[in-house]
Amino acid sequence: FDYNLKTKSLETRKEVEIPSGYDKSEYVTERKMAPGRDGTMIP
């Protein structure tokens, strides 16, 4: 991205191309927090 300081907007200059095809809507990402044995939450 190039971030324009005046408009506070992102311009996409490149997204790595995947020639064989890729649809990001077919995949899901999550962030979870796991309880450690000492009570600490681990991302």
PDB file of all heavy atoms in Angstrom:
ATOM      1  N   PHE A   1       0.843  -1.190   0.000  1.00  0.00           N
ATOM      2  CA  PHE A   1       0.000   0.000   0.000  1.00  0.00           C
ATOM      3  C   PHE A   1       0.883   1.246   0.000  1.00  0.00           C
ATOM      4  O   PHE A   1       1.953   1.270   0.609  1.00  0.00           O
ATOM      5  CB  PHE A   1      -0.866   0.065   1.268  1.00  0.00           C
ATOM      6  CG  PHE A   1      -1.993  -0.918   1.338  1.00  0.00           C
ATOM      7  CD1 PHE A   1      -2.184  -1.680   2.490  1.00  0.00           C
ATOM      8  CD2 PHE A   1      -2.889  -1.073   0.294  1.00  0.00           C
ATOM      9  CE1 PHE A   1      -3.232  -2.573   2.597  1.00  0.00           C
ATOM     10  CE2 PHE A   1      -3.940  -1.969   0.385  1.00  0.00           C
ATOM     11  CZ  PHE A   1      -4.115  -2.723   1.531  1.00  0.00           C
ATOM     12  N   ASP A   2       0.405   2.292  -0.655  1.00  0.00           N
ATOM     13  CA  ASP A   2       0.926   3.646  -0.446  1.00  0.00           C
ATOM     14  C   ASP A   2      -0.142   4.410   0.316  1.00  0.00           C
ATOM     15  O   ASP A   2      -1.288   4.522  -0.140  1.00  0.00           O
ATOM     16  CB  ASP A   2       1.238   4.339  -1.770  1.00  0.00           C
ATOM     17  CG  ASP A   2       2.565   3.896  -2.363  1.00  0.00           C
ATOM     18  OD1 ASP A   2       3.305   3.157  -1.678  1.00  0.00           O
ATOM     19  OD2 ASP A   2       2.855   4.277  -3.512  1.00  0.00           O
ATOM     20  N   TYR A   3       0.242   4.911   1.482  1.00  0.00           N
ATOM     21  CA  TYR A   3      -0.697   5.639   2.323  1.00  0.00           C
ATOM     22  C   TYR A   3      -0.557   7.131   2.064  1.00  0.00           C
ATOM     23  O   TYR A   3       0.518   7.719   2.255  1.00  0.00           O
ATOM     24  CB  TYR A   3      -0.440   5.339   3.794  1.00  0.00           C
ATOM     25  CG  TYR A   3      -1.367   6.067   4.740  1.00  0.00           C
ATOM     26  CD1 TYR A   3      -2.719   5.739   4.804  1.00  0.00           C
ATOM     27  CD2 TYR A   3      -0.890   7.093   5.563  1.00  0.00           C
ATOM     28  CE1 TYR A   3      -3.575   6.401   5.665  1.00  0.00           C
ATOM     29  CE2 TYR A   3      -1.735   7.760   6.431  1.00  0.00           C
ATOM     30  CZ  TYR A   3      -3.081   7.416   6.483  1.00  0.00           C
ATOM     31  OH  TYR A   3      -3.934   8.075   7.329  1.00  0.00           O
ATOM     32  N   ASN A   4      -1.658   7.754   1.607  1.00  0.00           N
ATOM     33  CA  ASN A   4      -1.690   9.180   1.303  1.00  0.00           C
ATOM     34  C   ASN A   4      -1.988   9.957   2.588  1.00  0.00           C
ATOM     35  O   ASN A   4      -3.062   9.813   3.171  1.00  0.00           O
ATOM     36  CB  ASN A   4      -2.758   9.465   0.235  1.00  0.00           C
ATOM     37  CG  ASN A   4      -2.735  10.895  -0.243  1.00  0.00           C
ATOM     38  OD1 ASN A   4      -2.753  11.833   0.553  1.00  0.00           O
ATOM     39  ND2 ASN A   4      -2.700  11.072  -1.558  1.00  0.00           N
ATOM     40  N   LEU A   5      -1.042  10.760   3.026  1.00  0.00           N
ATOM     41  CA  LEU A   5      -1.207  11.474   4.291  1.00  0.00           C
ATOM     42  C   LEU A   5      -2.284  12.549   4.228  1.00  0.00           C
ATOM     43  O   LEU A   5      -2.908  12.866   5.243  1.00  0.00           O
ATOM     44  CB  LEU A   5       0.122  12.106   4.716  1.00  0.00           C
ATOM     45  CG  LEU A   5       1.049  11.213   5.553  1.00  0.00           C
ATOM     46  CD1 LEU A   5       1.593  10.063   4.715  1.00  0.00           C
ATOM     47  CD2 LEU A   5       2.198  12.017   6.131  1.00  0.00           C
ATOM     48  N   LYS A   6      -2.513  13.111   3.051  1.00  0.00           N
ATOM     49  CA  LYS A   6      -3.510  14.167   2.933  1.00  0.00           C
ATOM     50  C   LYS A   6      -4.927  13.607   2.993  1.00  0.00           C
ATOM     51  O   LYS A   6      -5.787  14.132   3.688  1.00  0.00           O
ATOM     52  CB  LYS A   6      -3.291  14.949   1.640  1.00  0.00           C
ATOM     53  CG  LYS A   6      -1.992  15.756   1.613  1.00  0.00           C
ATOM     54  CD  LYS A   6      -1.857  16.525   0.316  1.00  0.00           C
ATOM     55  CE  LYS A   6      -0.568  17.348   0.290  1.00  0.00           C
ATOM     56  NZ  LYS A   6      -0.405  18.087  -0.997  1.00  0.00           N
ATOM     57  N   THR A   7      -5.176  12.539   2.238  1.00  0.00           N
ATOM     58  CA  THR A   7      -6.525  11.966   2.178  1.00  0.00           C
ATOM     59  C   THR A   7      -6.727  10.853   3.200  1.00  0.00           C
ATOM     60  O   THR A   7      -7.848  10.366   3.371  1.00  0.00           O
ATOM     61  CB  THR A   7      -6.797  11.410   0.776  1.00  0.00           C
ATOM     62  OG1 THR A   7      -5.876  10.338   0.506  1.00  0.00           O
ATOM     63  CG2 THR A   7      -6.619  12.496  -0.285  1.00  0.00           C
ATOM     64  N   LYS A   8      -5.632  10.445   3.842  1.00  0.00           N
ATOM     65  CA  LYS A   8      -5.662   9.339   4.805  1.00  0.00           C
ATOM     66  C   LYS A   8      -6.282   8.082   4.184  1.00  0.00           C
ATOM     67  O   LYS A   8      -7.118   7.406   4.784  1.00  0.00           O
ATOM     68  CB  LYS A   8      -6.404   9.745   6.081  1.00  0.00           C
ATOM     69  CG  LYS A   8      -5.715  10.867   6.845  1.00  0.00           C
ATOM     70  CD  LYS A   8      -6.430  11.186   8.154  1.00  0.00           C
ATOM     71  CE  LYS A   8      -5.690  12.309   8.892  1.00  0.00           C
ATOM     72  NZ  LYS A   8      -6.360  12.665  10.172  1.00  0.00           N
ATOM     73  N   SER A   9      -5.838   7.799   2.972  1.00  0.00           N
ATOM     74  CA  SER A   9      -6.372   6.644   2.243  1.00  0.00           C
ATOM     75  C   SER A   9      -5.222   5.755   1.772  1.00  0.00           C
ATOM     76  O   SER A   9      -4.079   6.199   1.606  1.00  0.00           O
ATOM     77  CB  SER A   9      -7.189   7.102   1.041  1.00  0.00           C
ATOM     78  OG  SER A   9      -6.382   7.857   0.143  1.00  0.00           O
ATOM     79  N   LEU A  10      -5.550   4.486   1.555  1.00  0.00           N
ATOM     80  CA  LEU A  10      -4.579   3.501   1.093  1.00  0.00           C
ATOM     81  C   LEU A  10      -4.761   3.248  -0.402  1.00  0.00           C
ATOM     82  O   LEU A  10      -5.877   2.985  -0.863  1.00  0.00           O
ATOM     83  CB  LEU A  10      -4.745   2.187   1.849  1.00  0.00           C
ATOM     84  CG  LEU A  10      -4.373   2.197   3.332  1.00  0.00           C
ATOM     85  CD1 LEU A  10      -4.895   0.930   4.008  1.00  0.00           C
ATOM     86  CD2 LEU A  10      -2.868   2.310   3.514  1.00  0.00           C
ATOM     87  N   GLU A  11      -3.671   3.319  -1.144  1.00  0.00           N
ATOM     88  CA  GLU A  11      -3.677   2.963  -2.561  1.00  0.00           C
ATOM     89  C   GLU A  11      -2.937   1.646  -2.723  1.00  0.00           C
ATOM     90  O   GLU A  11      -1.784   1.516  -2.302  1.00  0.00           O
ATOM     91  CB  GLU A  11      -2.992   4.036  -3.397  1.00  0.00           C
ATOM     92  CG  GLU A  11      -2.899   3.676  -4.877  1.00  0.00           C
ATOM     93  CD  GLU A  11      -2.024   4.625  -5.670  1.00  0.00           C
ATOM     94  OE1 GLU A  11      -1.481   5.587  -5.087  1.00  0.00           O
ATOM     95  OE2 GLU A  11      -1.856   4.389  -6.887  1.00  0.00           O
ATOM     96  N   THR A  12      -3.605   0.661  -3.303  1.00  0.00           N
ATOM     97  CA  THR A  12      -2.969  -0.635  -3.523  1.00  0.00           C
ATOM     98  C   THR A  12      -2.018  -0.548  -4.707  1.00  0.00           C
ATOM     99  O   THR A  12      -2.435  -0.292  -5.834  1.00  0.00           O
ATOM    100  CB  THR A  12      -4.020  -1.726  -3.788  1.00  0.00           C
ATOM    101  OG1 THR A  12      -4.914  -1.811  -2.675  1.00  0.00           O
ATOM    102  CG2 THR A  12      -3.356  -3.077  -3.989  1.00  0.00           C
ATOM    103  N   ARG A  13      -0.730  -0.747  -4.441  1.00  0.00           N
ATOM    104  CA  ARG A  13       0.271  -0.722  -5.500  1.00  0.00           C
ATOM    105  C   ARG A  13       0.601  -2.117  -6.010  1.00  0.00           C
ATOM    106  O   ARG A  13       1.064  -2.274  -7.132  1.00  0.00           O
ATOM    107  CB  ARG A  13       1.549  -0.049  -4.991  1.00  0.00           C
ATOM    108  CG  ARG A  13       1.375   1.416  -4.591  1.00  0.00           C
ATOM    109  CD  ARG A  13       0.938   2.268  -5.786  1.00  0.00           C
ATOM    110  NE  ARG A  13       1.811   2.083  -6.937  1.00  0.00           N
ATOM    111  CZ  ARG A  13       2.973   2.729  -7.130  1.00  0.00           C
ATOM    112  NH1 ARG A  13       3.379   3.614  -6.229  1.00  0.00           N
ATOM    113  NH2 ARG A  13       3.694   2.518  -8.196  1.00  0.00           N
ATOM    114  N   LYS A  14       0.368  -3.111  -5.159  1.00  0.00           N
ATOM    115  CA  LYS A  14       0.654  -4.484  -5.582  1.00  0.00           C
ATOM    116  C   LYS A  14      -0.014  -5.451  -4.628  1.00  0.00           C
ATOM    117  O   LYS A  14      -0.029  -5.230  -3.422  1.00  0.00           O
ATOM    118  CB  LYS A  14       2.176  -4.739  -5.598  1.00  0.00           C
ATOM    119  CG  LYS A  14       2.579  -6.182  -5.907  1.00  0.00           C
ATOM    120  CD  LYS A  14       4.085  -6.375  -5.781  1.00  0.00           C
ATOM    121  CE  LYS A  14       4.484  -7.832  -5.995  1.00  0.00           C
ATOM    122  NZ  LYS A  14       5.937  -8.037  -5.878  1.00  0.00           N
ATOM    123  N   GLU A  15      -0.599  -6.506  -5.163  1.00  0.00           N
ATOM    124  CA  GLU A  15      -0.978  -7.671  -4.389  1.00  0.00           C
ATOM    125  C   GLU A  15      -0.374  -8.864  -5.092  1.00  0.00           C
ATOM    126  O   GLU A  15      -0.527  -9.014  -6.310  1.00  0.00           O
ATOM    127  CB  GLU A  15      -2.502  -7.828  -4.297  1.00  0.00           C
ATOM    128  CG  GLU A  15      -2.919  -9.033  -3.449  1.00  0.00           C
ATOM    129  CD  GLU A  15      -4.419  -9.101  -3.200  1.00  0.00           C
ATOM    130  OE1 GLU A  15      -4.944  -8.219  -2.486  1.00  0.00           O
ATOM    131  OE2 GLU A  15      -5.053 -10.034  -3.732  1.00  0.00           O
ATOM    132  N   VAL A  16       0.352  -9.669  -4.345  1.00  0.00           N
ATOM    133  CA  VAL A  16       1.044 -10.808  -4.948  1.00  0.00           C
ATOM    134  C   VAL A  16       0.060 -11.662  -5.734  1.00  0.00           C
ATOM    135  O   VAL A  16      -0.979 -12.088  -5.215  1.00  0.00           O
ATOM    136  CB  VAL A  16       1.755 -11.641  -3.874  1.00  0.00           C
ATOM    137  CG1 VAL A  16       2.221 -12.976  -4.454  1.00  0.00           C
ATOM    138  CG2 VAL A  16       2.947 -10.877  -3.308  1.00  0.00           C
ATOM    139  N   GLU A  17       0.386 -11.883  -6.981  1.00  0.00           N
ATOM    140  CA  GLU A  17      -0.477 -12.648  -7.877  1.00  0.00           C
ATOM    141  C   GLU A  17      -0.281 -14.140  -7.653  1.00  0.00           C
ATOM    142  O   GLU A  17       0.851 -14.618  -7.487  1.00  0.00           O
ATOM    143  CB  GLU A  17      -0.148 -12.296  -9.334  1.00  0.00           C
ATOM    144  CG  GLU A  17      -0.959 -13.052 -10.365  1.00  0.00           C
ATOM    145  CD  GLU A  17      -0.501 -12.783 -11.778  1.00  0.00           C
ATOM    146  OE1 GLU A  17       0.300 -11.845 -11.980  1.00  0.00           O
ATOM    147  OE2 GLU A  17      -0.927 -13.529 -12.680  1.00  0.00           O
ATOM    148  N   ILE A  18      -1.375 -14.872  -7.643  1.00  0.00           N
ATOM    149  CA  ILE A  18      -1.333 -16.328  -7.530  1.00  0.00           C
ATOM    150  C   ILE A  18      -1.881 -16.891  -8.837  1.00  0.00           C
ATOM    151  O   ILE A  18      -3.099 -16.989  -9.027  1.00  0.00           O
ATOM    152  CB  ILE A  18      -2.146 -16.812  -6.318  1.00  0.00           C
ATOM    153  CG1 ILE A  18      -1.588 -16.173  -5.044  1.00  0.00           C
ATOM    154  CG2 ILE A  18      -2.120 -18.340  -6.224  1.00  0.00           C
ATOM    155  CD1 ILE A  18      -2.361 -16.511  -3.793  1.00  0.00           C
ATOM    156  N   PRO A  19      -1.002 -17.220  -9.783  1.00  0.00           N
ATOM    157  CA  PRO A  19      -1.441 -17.580 -11.141  1.00  0.00           C
ATOM    158  C   PRO A  19      -2.430 -18.738 -11.193  1.00  0.00           C
ATOM    159  O   PRO A  19      -3.334 -18.748 -12.040  1.00  0.00           O
ATOM    160  CB  PRO A  19      -0.126 -17.944 -11.843  1.00  0.00           C
ATOM    161  CG  PRO A  19       0.921 -17.175 -11.102  1.00  0.00           C
ATOM    162  CD  PRO A  19       0.459 -17.194  -9.673  1.00  0.00           C
ATOM    163  N   SER A  20      -2.286 -19.724 -10.296  1.00  0.00           N
ATOM    164  CA  SER A  20      -3.187 -20.875 -10.353  1.00  0.00           C
ATOM    165  C   SER A  20      -4.559 -20.570  -9.776  1.00  0.00           C
ATOM    166  O   SER A  20      -5.468 -21.401  -9.849  1.00  0.00           O
ATOM    167  CB  SER A  20      -2.570 -22.059  -9.599  1.00  0.00           C
ATOM    168  OG  SER A  20      -2.339 -21.733  -8.242  1.00  0.00           O
ATOM    169  N   GLY A  21      -4.703 -19.362  -9.202  1.00  0.00           N
ATOM    170  CA  GLY A  21      -5.994 -18.929  -8.708  1.00  0.00           C
ATOM    171  C   GLY A  21      -6.111 -18.983  -7.199  1.00  0.00           C
ATOM    172  O   GLY A  21      -5.587 -19.892  -6.552  1.00  0.00           O
ATOM    173  N   TYR A  22      -6.800 -17.976  -6.670  1.00  0.00           N
ATOM    174  CA  TYR A  22      -7.034 -17.925  -5.229  1.00  0.00           C
ATOM    175  C   TYR A  22      -8.222 -17.014  -4.970  1.00  0.00           C
ATOM    176  O   TYR A  22      -8.294 -15.902  -5.494  1.00  0.00           O
ATOM    177  CB  TYR A  22      -5.801 -17.398  -4.493  1.00  0.00           C
ATOM    178  CG  TYR A  22      -6.051 -17.139  -3.022  1.00  0.00           C
ATOM    179  CD1 TYR A  22      -6.225 -18.190  -2.137  1.00  0.00           C
ATOM    180  CD2 TYR A  22      -6.128 -15.838  -2.524  1.00  0.00           C
ATOM    181  CE1 TYR A  22      -6.467 -17.962  -0.787  1.00  0.00           C
ATOM    182  CE2 TYR A  22      -6.362 -15.594  -1.178  1.00  0.00           C
ATOM    183  CZ  TYR A  22      -6.537 -16.660  -0.313  1.00  0.00           C
ATOM    184  OH  TYR A  22      -6.778 -16.430   1.013  1.00  0.00           O
ATOM    185  N   ASP A  23      -9.141 -17.507  -4.150  1.00  0.00           N
ATOM    186  CA  ASP A  23     -10.319 -16.742  -3.759  1.00  0.00           C
ATOM    187  C   ASP A  23     -10.308 -16.632  -2.238  1.00  0.00           C
ATOM    188  O   ASP A  23     -10.600 -17.597  -1.532  1.00  0.00           O
ATOM    189  CB  ASP A  23     -11.589 -17.452  -4.247  1.00  0.00           C
ATOM    190  CG  ASP A  23     -12.867 -16.690  -3.887  1.00  0.00           C
ATOM    191  OD1 ASP A  23     -12.774 -15.647  -3.207  1.00  0.00           O
ATOM    192  OD2 ASP A  23     -13.958 -17.155  -4.279  1.00  0.00           O
ATOM    193  N   LYS A  24      -9.969 -15.457  -1.726  1.00  0.00           N
ATOM    194  CA  LYS A  24      -9.832 -15.303  -0.276  1.00  0.00           C
ATOM    195  C   LYS A  24     -11.149 -15.517   0.467  1.00  0.00           C
ATOM    196  O   LYS A  24     -11.141 -15.852   1.660  1.00  0.00           O
ATOM    197  CB  LYS A  24      -9.254 -13.929   0.069  1.00  0.00           C
ATOM    198  CG  LYS A  24     -10.142 -12.748  -0.254  1.00  0.00           C
ATOM    199  CD  LYS A  24      -9.462 -11.425   0.088  1.00  0.00           C
ATOM    200  CE  LYS A  24      -9.287 -11.222   1.569  1.00  0.00           C
ATOM    201  NZ  LYS A  24      -8.706  -9.899   1.900  1.00  0.00           N
ATOM    202  N   SER A  25     -12.262 -15.358  -0.238  1.00  0.00           N
ATOM    203  CA  SER A  25     -13.550 -15.554   0.422  1.00  0.00           C
ATOM    204  C   SER A  25     -13.784 -17.016   0.793  1.00  0.00           C
ATOM    205  O   SER A  25     -14.699 -17.331   1.550  1.00  0.00           O
ATOM    206  CB  SER A  25     -14.692 -15.054  -0.471  1.00  0.00           C
ATOM    207  OG  SER A  25     -14.831 -15.878  -1.620  1.00  0.00           O
ATOM    208  N   GLU A  26     -12.947 -17.909   0.268  1.00  0.00           N
ATOM    209  CA  GLU A  26     -13.074 -19.327   0.558  1.00  0.00           C
ATOM    210  C   GLU A  26     -12.337 -19.734   1.832  1.00  0.00           C
ATOM    211  O   GLU A  26     -12.347 -20.917   2.207  1.00  0.00           O
ATOM    212  CB  GLU A  26     -12.543 -20.157  -0.621  1.00  0.00           C
ATOM    213  CG  GLU A  26     -13.408 -20.092  -1.869  1.00  0.00           C
ATOM    214  CD  GLU A  26     -14.799 -20.680  -1.625  1.00  0.00           C
ATOM    215  OE1 GLU A  26     -14.883 -21.792  -1.064  1.00  0.00           O
ATOM    216  OE2 GLU A  26     -15.794 -20.012  -1.965  1.00  0.00           O
ATOM    217  N   TYR A  27     -11.698 -18.748   2.494  1.00  0.00           N
ATOM    218  CA  TYR A  27     -10.896 -19.066   3.677  1.00  0.00           C
ATOM    219  C   TYR A  27     -11.286 -18.143   4.830  1.00  0.00           C
ATOM    220  O   TYR A  27     -11.741 -17.014   4.620  1.00  0.00           O
ATOM    221  CB  TYR A  27      -9.403 -18.938   3.363  1.00  0.00           C
ATOM    222  CG  TYR A  27      -8.968 -19.866   2.249  1.00  0.00           C
ATOM    223  CD1 TYR A  27      -9.089 -19.481   0.913  1.00  0.00           C
ATOM    224  CD2 TYR A  27      -8.476 -21.140   2.528  1.00  0.00           C
ATOM    225  CE1 TYR A  27      -8.715 -20.338  -0.114  1.00  0.00           C
ATOM    226  CE2 TYR A  27      -8.101 -22.002   1.507  1.00  0.00           C
ATOM    227  CZ  TYR A  27      -8.228 -21.600   0.187  1.00  0.00           C
ATOM    228  OH  TYR A  27      -7.869 -22.455  -0.826  1.00  0.00           O
ATOM    229  N   VAL A  28     -11.093 -18.634   6.041  1.00  0.00           N
ATOM    230  CA  VAL A  28     -11.496 -17.910   7.243  1.00  0.00           C
ATOM    231  C   VAL A  28     -10.297 -17.818   8.182  1.00  0.00           C
ATOM    232  O   VAL A  28      -9.574 -18.806   8.375  1.00  0.00           O
ATOM    233  CB  VAL A  28     -12.654 -18.626   7.968  1.00  0.00           C
ATOM    234  CG1 VAL A  28     -13.028 -17.886   9.242  1.00  0.00           C
ATOM    235  CG2 VAL A  28     -13.858 -18.762   7.041  1.00  0.00           C
ATOM    236  N   THR A  29     -10.086 -16.647   8.757  1.00  0.00           N
ATOM    237  CA  THR A  29      -9.036 -16.494   9.756  1.00  0.00           C
ATOM    238  C   THR A  29      -9.642 -16.003  11.064  1.00  0.00           C
ATOM    239  O   THR A  29     -10.631 -15.256  11.066  1.00  0.00           O
ATOM    240  CB  THR A  29      -7.934 -15.535   9.277  1.00  0.00           C
ATOM    241  OG1 THR A  29      -6.874 -15.515  10.249  1.00  0.00           O
ATOM    242  CG2 THR A  29      -8.447 -14.129   9.071  1.00  0.00           C
ATOM    243  N   GLU A  30      -9.058 -16.454  12.169  1.00  0.00           N
ATOM    244  CA  GLU A  30      -9.541 -16.091  13.495  1.00  0.00           C
ATOM    245  C   GLU A  30      -8.355 -15.770  14.399  1.00  0.00           C
ATOM    246  O   GLU A  30      -7.227 -16.219  14.160  1.00  0.00           O
ATOM    247  CB  GLU A  30     -10.310 -17.257  14.140  1.00  0.00           C
ATOM    248  CG  GLU A  30     -11.546 -17.701  13.404  1.00  0.00           C
ATOM    249  CD  GLU A  30     -12.181 -18.907  14.075  1.00  0.00           C
ATOM    250  OE1 GLU A  30     -11.464 -19.696  14.715  1.00  0.00           O
ATOM    251  OE2 GLU A  30     -13.402 -19.054  13.952  1.00  0.00           O
ATOM    252  N   ARG A  31      -8.659 -15.023  15.430  1.00  0.00           N
ATOM    253  CA  ARG A  31      -7.700 -14.833  16.515  1.00  0.00           C
ATOM    254  C   ARG A  31      -8.348 -15.330  17.806  1.00  0.00           C
ATOM    255  O   ARG A  31      -9.444 -14.908  18.159  1.00  0.00           O
ATOM    256  CB  ARG A  31      -7.317 -13.362  16.665  1.00  0.00           C
ATOM    257  CG  ARG A  31      -6.179 -13.137  17.672  1.00  0.00           C
ATOM    258  CD  ARG A  31      -5.978 -11.660  17.939  1.00  0.00           C
ATOM    259  NE  ARG A  31      -4.711 -11.373  18.578  1.00  0.00           N
ATOM    260  CZ  ARG A  31      -4.541 -10.478  19.547  1.00  0.00           C
ATOM    261  NH1 ARG A  31      -5.584  -9.778  19.988  1.00  0.00           N
ATOM    262  NH2 ARG A  31      -3.358 -10.258  20.072  1.00  0.00           N
ATOM    263  N   LYS A  32      -7.681 -16.255  18.468  1.00  0.00           N
ATOM    264  CA  LYS A  32      -8.175 -16.819  19.715  1.00  0.00           C
ATOM    265  C   LYS A  32      -7.167 -16.551  20.824  1.00  0.00           C
ATOM    266  O   LYS A  32      -5.994 -16.300  20.575  1.00  0.00           O
ATOM    267  CB  LYS A  32      -8.395 -18.330  19.572  1.00  0.00           C
ATOM    268  CG  LYS A  32      -9.488 -18.726  18.584  1.00  0.00           C
ATOM    269  CD  LYS A  32     -10.875 -18.460  19.148  1.00  0.00           C
ATOM    270  CE  LYS A  32     -11.962 -19.010  18.245  1.00  0.00           C
ATOM    271  NZ  LYS A  32     -13.310 -18.791  18.803  1.00  0.00           N
ATOM    272  N   MET A  33      -7.654 -16.639  22.066  1.00  0.00           N
ATOM    273  CA  MET A  33      -6.785 -16.503  23.231  1.00  0.00           C
ATOM    274  C   MET A  33      -6.913 -17.780  24.060  1.00  0.00           C
ATOM    275  O   MET A  33      -8.007 -18.136  24.505  1.00  0.00           O
ATOM    276  CB  MET A  33      -7.167 -15.287  24.064  1.00  0.00           C
ATOM    277  CG  MET A  33      -7.110 -13.961  23.311  1.00  0.00           C
ATOM    278  SD  MET A  33      -5.452 -13.472  22.772  1.00  0.00           S
ATOM    279  CE  MET A  33      -4.728 -12.966  24.339  1.00  0.00           C
ATOM    280  N   ALA A  34      -5.795 -18.477  24.231  1.00  0.00           N
ATOM    281  CA  ALA A  34      -5.798 -19.736  24.970  1.00  0.00           C
ATOM    282  C   ALA A  34      -5.322 -19.511  26.399  1.00  0.00           C
ATOM    283  O   ALA A  34      -4.341 -18.798  26.622  1.00  0.00           O
ATOM    284  CB  ALA A  34      -4.882 -20.751  24.285  1.00  0.00           C
ATOM    285  N   PRO A  35      -5.980 -20.103  27.375  1.00  0.00           N
ATOM    286  CA  PRO A  35      -5.514 -19.972  28.755  1.00  0.00           C
ATOM    287  C   PRO A  35      -4.304 -20.859  29.018  1.00  0.00           C
ATOM    288  O   PRO A  35      -4.347 -22.071  28.811  1.00  0.00           O
ATOM    289  CB  PRO A  35      -6.723 -20.425  29.579  1.00  0.00           C
ATOM    290  CG  PRO A  35      -7.447 -21.374  28.678  1.00  0.00           C
ATOM    291  CD  PRO A  35      -7.227 -20.890  27.276  1.00  0.00           C
ATOM    292  N   GLY A  36      -3.208 -20.249  29.439  1.00  0.00           N
ATOM    293  CA  GLY A  36      -2.045 -21.020  29.827  1.00  0.00           C
ATOM    294  C   GLY A  36      -2.214 -21.584  31.221  1.00  0.00           C
ATOM    295  O   GLY A  36      -3.101 -21.179  31.979  1.00  0.00           O
ATOM    296  N   ARG A  37      -1.354 -22.504  31.583  1.00  0.00           N
ATOM    297  CA  ARG A  37      -1.476 -23.175  32.880  1.00  0.00           C
ATOM    298  C   ARG A  37      -1.241 -22.220  34.052  1.00  0.00           C
ATOM    299  O   ARG A  37      -1.639 -22.507  35.174  1.00  0.00           O
ATOM    300  CB  ARG A  37      -0.516 -24.361  32.949  1.00  0.00           C
ATOM    301  CG  ARG A  37       0.959 -24.007  32.865  1.00  0.00           C
ATOM    302  CD  ARG A  37       1.802 -25.237  32.592  1.00  0.00           C
ATOM    303  NE  ARG A  37       1.564 -25.734  31.241  1.00  0.00           N
ATOM    304  CZ  ARG A  37       2.168 -26.816  30.726  1.00  0.00           C
ATOM    305  NH1 ARG A  37       3.015 -27.507  31.469  1.00  0.00           N
ATOM    306  NH2 ARG A  37       1.919 -27.195  29.486  1.00  0.00           N
ATOM    307  N   ASP A  38      -0.598 -21.053  33.790  1.00  0.00           N
ATOM    308  CA  ASP A  38      -0.413 -20.067  34.861  1.00  0.00           C
ATOM    309  C   ASP A  38      -1.442 -18.945  34.790  1.00  0.00           C
ATOM    310  O   ASP A  38      -1.326 -17.944  35.489  1.00  0.00           O
ATOM    311  CB  ASP A  38       1.004 -19.497  34.830  1.00  0.00           C
ATOM    312  CG  ASP A  38       1.305 -18.725  33.550  1.00  0.00           C
ATOM    313  OD1 ASP A  38       0.429 -18.662  32.651  1.00  0.00           O
ATOM    314  OD2 ASP A  38       2.420 -18.180  33.437  1.00  0.00           O
ATOM    315  N   GLY A  39      -2.453 -19.111  33.915  1.00  0.00           N
ATOM    316  CA  GLY A  39      -3.514 -18.114  33.797  1.00  0.00           C
ATOM    317  C   GLY A  39      -3.295 -17.074  32.726  1.00  0.00           C
ATOM    318  O   GLY A  39      -4.206 -16.296  32.418  1.00  0.00           O
ATOM    319  N   THR A  40      -2.103 -17.034  32.139  1.00  0.00           N
ATOM    320  CA  THR A  40      -1.826 -16.072  31.073  1.00  0.00           C
ATOM    321  C   THR A  40      -2.595 -16.452  29.811  1.00  0.00           C
ATOM    322  O   THR A  40      -2.668 -17.629  29.441  1.00  0.00           O
ATOM    323  CB  THR A  40      -0.313 -16.039  30.772  1.00  0.00           C
ATOM    324  OG1 THR A  40       0.383 -15.658  31.955  1.00  0.00           O
ATOM    325  CG2 THR A  40       0.005 -15.066  29.648  1.00  0.00           C
ATOM    326  N   MET A  41      -3.149 -15.446  29.125  1.00  0.00           N
ATOM    327  CA  MET A  41      -3.881 -15.690  27.881  1.00  0.00           C
ATOM    328  C   MET A  41      -2.917 -15.571  26.706  1.00  0.00           C
ATOM    329  O   MET A  41      -2.254 -14.550  26.530  1.00  0.00           O
ATOM    330  CB  MET A  41      -5.035 -14.701  27.745  1.00  0.00           C
ATOM    331  CG  MET A  41      -6.043 -14.766  28.901  1.00  0.00           C
ATOM    332  SD  MET A  41      -6.775 -16.428  29.128  1.00  0.00           S
ATOM    333  CE  MET A  41      -7.786 -16.545  27.639  1.00  0.00           C
ATOM    334  N   ILE A  42      -2.854 -16.616  25.896  1.00  0.00           N
ATOM    335  CA  ILE A  42      -1.862 -16.728  24.820  1.00  0.00           C
ATOM    336  C   ILE A  42      -2.559 -16.537  23.475  1.00  0.00           C
ATOM    337  O   ILE A  42      -3.488 -17.275  23.135  1.00  0.00           O
ATOM    338  CB  ILE A  42      -1.188 -18.108  24.854  1.00  0.00           C
ATOM    339  CG1 ILE A  42      -0.661 -18.424  26.262  1.00  0.00           C
ATOM    340  CG2 ILE A  42      -0.061 -18.175  23.827  1.00  0.00           C
ATOM    341  CD1 ILE A  42      -0.644 -19.888  26.581  1.00  0.00           C
ATOM    342  N   PRO A  43      -2.127 -15.551  22.668  1.00  0.00           N
ATOM    343  CA  PRO A  43      -2.775 -15.329  21.363  1.00  0.00           C
ATOM    344  C   PRO A  43      -2.475 -16.460  20.376  1.00  0.00           C
ATOM    345  O   PRO A  43      -1.377 -17.026  20.361  1.00  0.00           O
ATOM    346  CB  PRO A  43      -2.156 -14.012  20.878  1.00  0.00           C
ATOM    347  CG  PRO A  43      -1.431 -13.436  22.046  1.00  0.00           C
ATOM    348  CD  PRO A  43      -1.070 -14.569  22.925  1.00  0.00           C
TER     349      PRO A  43
END
